[in-house]
Amino acid sequence: MLILIWFVVCIIFYIVQMILGDSGHALEVFAVVSAIAIFLISKIKHKINK
């Protein structure tokens, strides 16, 4: 499961860097999108385990 989260975070980081480049908001957008993705992965994991 940790590998899946790591891959998702890396992909999100790459996409945010590609879209926003050197703008000052890339890190904030990355943090928000990563938090949302990890939350959704957690919800899916709990749904599957029930």
N, C-alpha and C. Protein backbone atom coordinates (compact mmCIF):
# COMPACT_ATOMS: atom_id res chain seq x y z
N MET A 1 0.82 -1.19 0.00
CA MET A 1 0.00 0.00 0.00
C MET A 1 0.87 1.26 0.00
N LEU A 2 1.95 1.21 0.75
CA LEU A 2 2.86 2.35 0.82
C LEU A 2 3.49 2.64 -0.54
N ILE A 3 3.78 1.60 -1.30
CA ILE A 3 4.33 1.78 -2.66
C ILE A 3 3.32 2.50 -3.54
N LEU A 4 2.06 2.14 -3.44
CA LEU A 4 1.01 2.80 -4.22
C LEU A 4 0.95 4.29 -3.88
N ILE A 5 0.97 4.61 -2.61
CA ILE A 5 0.93 6.02 -2.19
C ILE A 5 2.16 6.76 -2.70
N TRP A 6 3.33 6.12 -2.63
CA TRP A 6 4.56 6.75 -3.11
C TRP A 6 4.48 7.04 -4.61
N PHE A 7 3.99 6.10 -5.40
CA PHE A 7 3.84 6.31 -6.84
C PHE A 7 2.85 7.43 -7.14
N VAL A 8 1.74 7.45 -6.43
CA VAL A 8 0.73 8.50 -6.65
C VAL A 8 1.32 9.87 -6.33
N VAL A 9 2.03 9.98 -5.22
CA VAL A 9 2.64 11.26 -4.85
C VAL A 9 3.67 11.70 -5.88
N CYS A 10 4.48 10.78 -6.37
CA CYS A 10 5.47 11.12 -7.40
C CYS A 10 4.80 11.59 -8.69
N ILE A 11 3.75 10.92 -9.10
CA ILE A 11 3.04 11.31 -10.32
C ILE A 11 2.40 12.68 -10.15
N ILE A 12 1.78 12.92 -8.99
CA ILE A 12 1.17 14.22 -8.73
C ILE A 12 2.23 15.31 -8.73
N PHE A 13 3.37 15.06 -8.11
CA PHE A 13 4.45 16.05 -8.08
C PHE A 13 4.91 16.39 -9.49
N TYR A 14 5.08 15.37 -10.33
CA TYR A 14 5.52 15.59 -11.71
C TYR A 14 4.50 16.42 -12.48
N ILE A 15 3.23 16.10 -12.35
CA ILE A 15 2.18 16.82 -13.08
C ILE A 15 2.10 18.28 -12.62
N VAL A 16 2.15 18.51 -11.30
CA VAL A 16 2.08 19.88 -10.79
C VAL A 16 3.29 20.68 -11.25
N GLN A 17 4.48 20.10 -11.20
CA GLN A 17 5.68 20.79 -11.65
C GLN A 17 5.61 21.09 -13.15
N MET A 18 5.07 20.16 -13.92
CA MET A 18 4.97 20.35 -15.36
C MET A 18 3.99 21.48 -15.69
N ILE A 19 2.86 21.54 -14.98
CA ILE A 19 1.84 22.55 -15.27
C ILE A 19 2.25 23.92 -14.73
N LEU A 20 2.67 23.97 -13.47
CA LEU A 20 2.93 25.27 -12.84
C LEU A 20 4.38 25.73 -12.96
N GLY A 21 5.30 24.81 -13.22
CA GLY A 21 6.69 25.19 -13.42
C GLY A 21 7.29 25.85 -12.19
N ASP A 22 7.87 27.02 -12.39
CA ASP A 22 8.57 27.71 -11.31
C ASP A 22 7.71 28.73 -10.57
N SER A 23 6.41 28.62 -10.72
CA SER A 23 5.56 29.57 -9.99
C SER A 23 5.66 29.29 -8.50
N GLY A 24 5.39 30.26 -7.69
CA GLY A 24 5.52 30.12 -6.25
C GLY A 24 4.46 29.25 -5.61
N HIS A 25 3.45 28.88 -6.36
CA HIS A 25 2.33 28.14 -5.77
C HIS A 25 2.39 26.64 -6.05
N ALA A 26 3.43 26.17 -6.71
CA ALA A 26 3.51 24.76 -7.07
C ALA A 26 3.54 23.87 -5.83
N LEU A 27 4.25 24.27 -4.80
CA LEU A 27 4.35 23.45 -3.60
C LEU A 27 3.02 23.38 -2.86
N GLU A 28 2.30 24.50 -2.80
CA GLU A 28 1.01 24.50 -2.13
C GLU A 28 -0.01 23.62 -2.87
N VAL A 29 -0.03 23.73 -4.18
CA VAL A 29 -0.94 22.91 -4.99
C VAL A 29 -0.58 21.44 -4.83
N PHE A 30 0.71 21.12 -4.84
CA PHE A 30 1.17 19.75 -4.67
C PHE A 30 0.71 19.20 -3.32
N ALA A 31 0.84 19.99 -2.27
CA ALA A 31 0.45 19.53 -0.93
C ALA A 31 -1.04 19.25 -0.85
N VAL A 32 -1.85 20.14 -1.41
CA VAL A 32 -3.31 19.96 -1.36
C VAL A 32 -3.73 18.74 -2.18
N VAL A 33 -3.21 18.62 -3.39
CA VAL A 33 -3.60 17.50 -4.26
C VAL A 33 -3.12 16.18 -3.66
N SER A 34 -1.92 16.16 -3.07
CA SER A 34 -1.41 14.94 -2.44
C SER A 34 -2.29 14.53 -1.26
N ALA A 35 -2.69 15.50 -0.46
CA ALA A 35 -3.55 15.19 0.69
C ALA A 35 -4.88 14.61 0.22
N ILE A 36 -5.45 15.17 -0.82
CA ILE A 36 -6.71 14.65 -1.35
C ILE A 36 -6.52 13.23 -1.88
N ALA A 37 -5.44 12.98 -2.60
CA ALA A 37 -5.19 11.65 -3.16
C ALA A 37 -4.98 10.62 -2.05
N ILE A 38 -4.22 10.97 -1.03
CA ILE A 38 -3.99 10.03 0.08
C ILE A 38 -5.29 9.77 0.83
N PHE A 39 -6.12 10.78 1.00
CA PHE A 39 -7.42 10.61 1.64
C PHE A 39 -8.29 9.64 0.83
N LEU A 40 -8.32 9.81 -0.49
CA LEU A 40 -9.13 8.93 -1.33
C LEU A 40 -8.61 7.50 -1.32
N ILE A 41 -7.29 7.33 -1.34
CA ILE A 41 -6.71 5.99 -1.26
C ILE A 41 -7.10 5.33 0.05
N SER A 42 -7.07 6.10 1.13
CA SER A 42 -7.45 5.57 2.45
C SER A 42 -8.92 5.15 2.46
N LYS A 43 -9.80 5.98 1.88
CA LYS A 43 -11.23 5.64 1.82
C LYS A 43 -11.44 4.36 1.02
N ILE A 44 -10.78 4.24 -0.11
CA ILE A 44 -10.91 3.04 -0.96
C ILE A 44 -10.40 1.82 -0.21
N LYS A 45 -9.29 1.96 0.49
CA LYS A 45 -8.72 0.84 1.24
C LYS A 45 -9.70 0.36 2.31
N HIS A 46 -10.31 1.29 3.04
CA HIS A 46 -11.26 0.90 4.09
C HIS A 46 -12.53 0.29 3.49
N LYS A 47 -12.95 0.77 2.33
CA LYS A 47 -14.13 0.21 1.68
C LYS A 47 -13.88 -1.23 1.24
N ILE A 48 -12.67 -1.50 0.74
CA ILE A 48 -12.33 -2.85 0.29
C ILE A 48 -12.20 -3.81 1.47
N ASN A 49 -11.67 -3.33 2.58
CA ASN A 49 -11.46 -4.20 3.75
C ASN A 49 -12.76 -4.56 4.47
N LYS A 50 -13.83 -3.83 4.26
CA LYS A 50 -15.10 -4.14 4.95
C LYS A 50 -15.84 -5.25 4.30
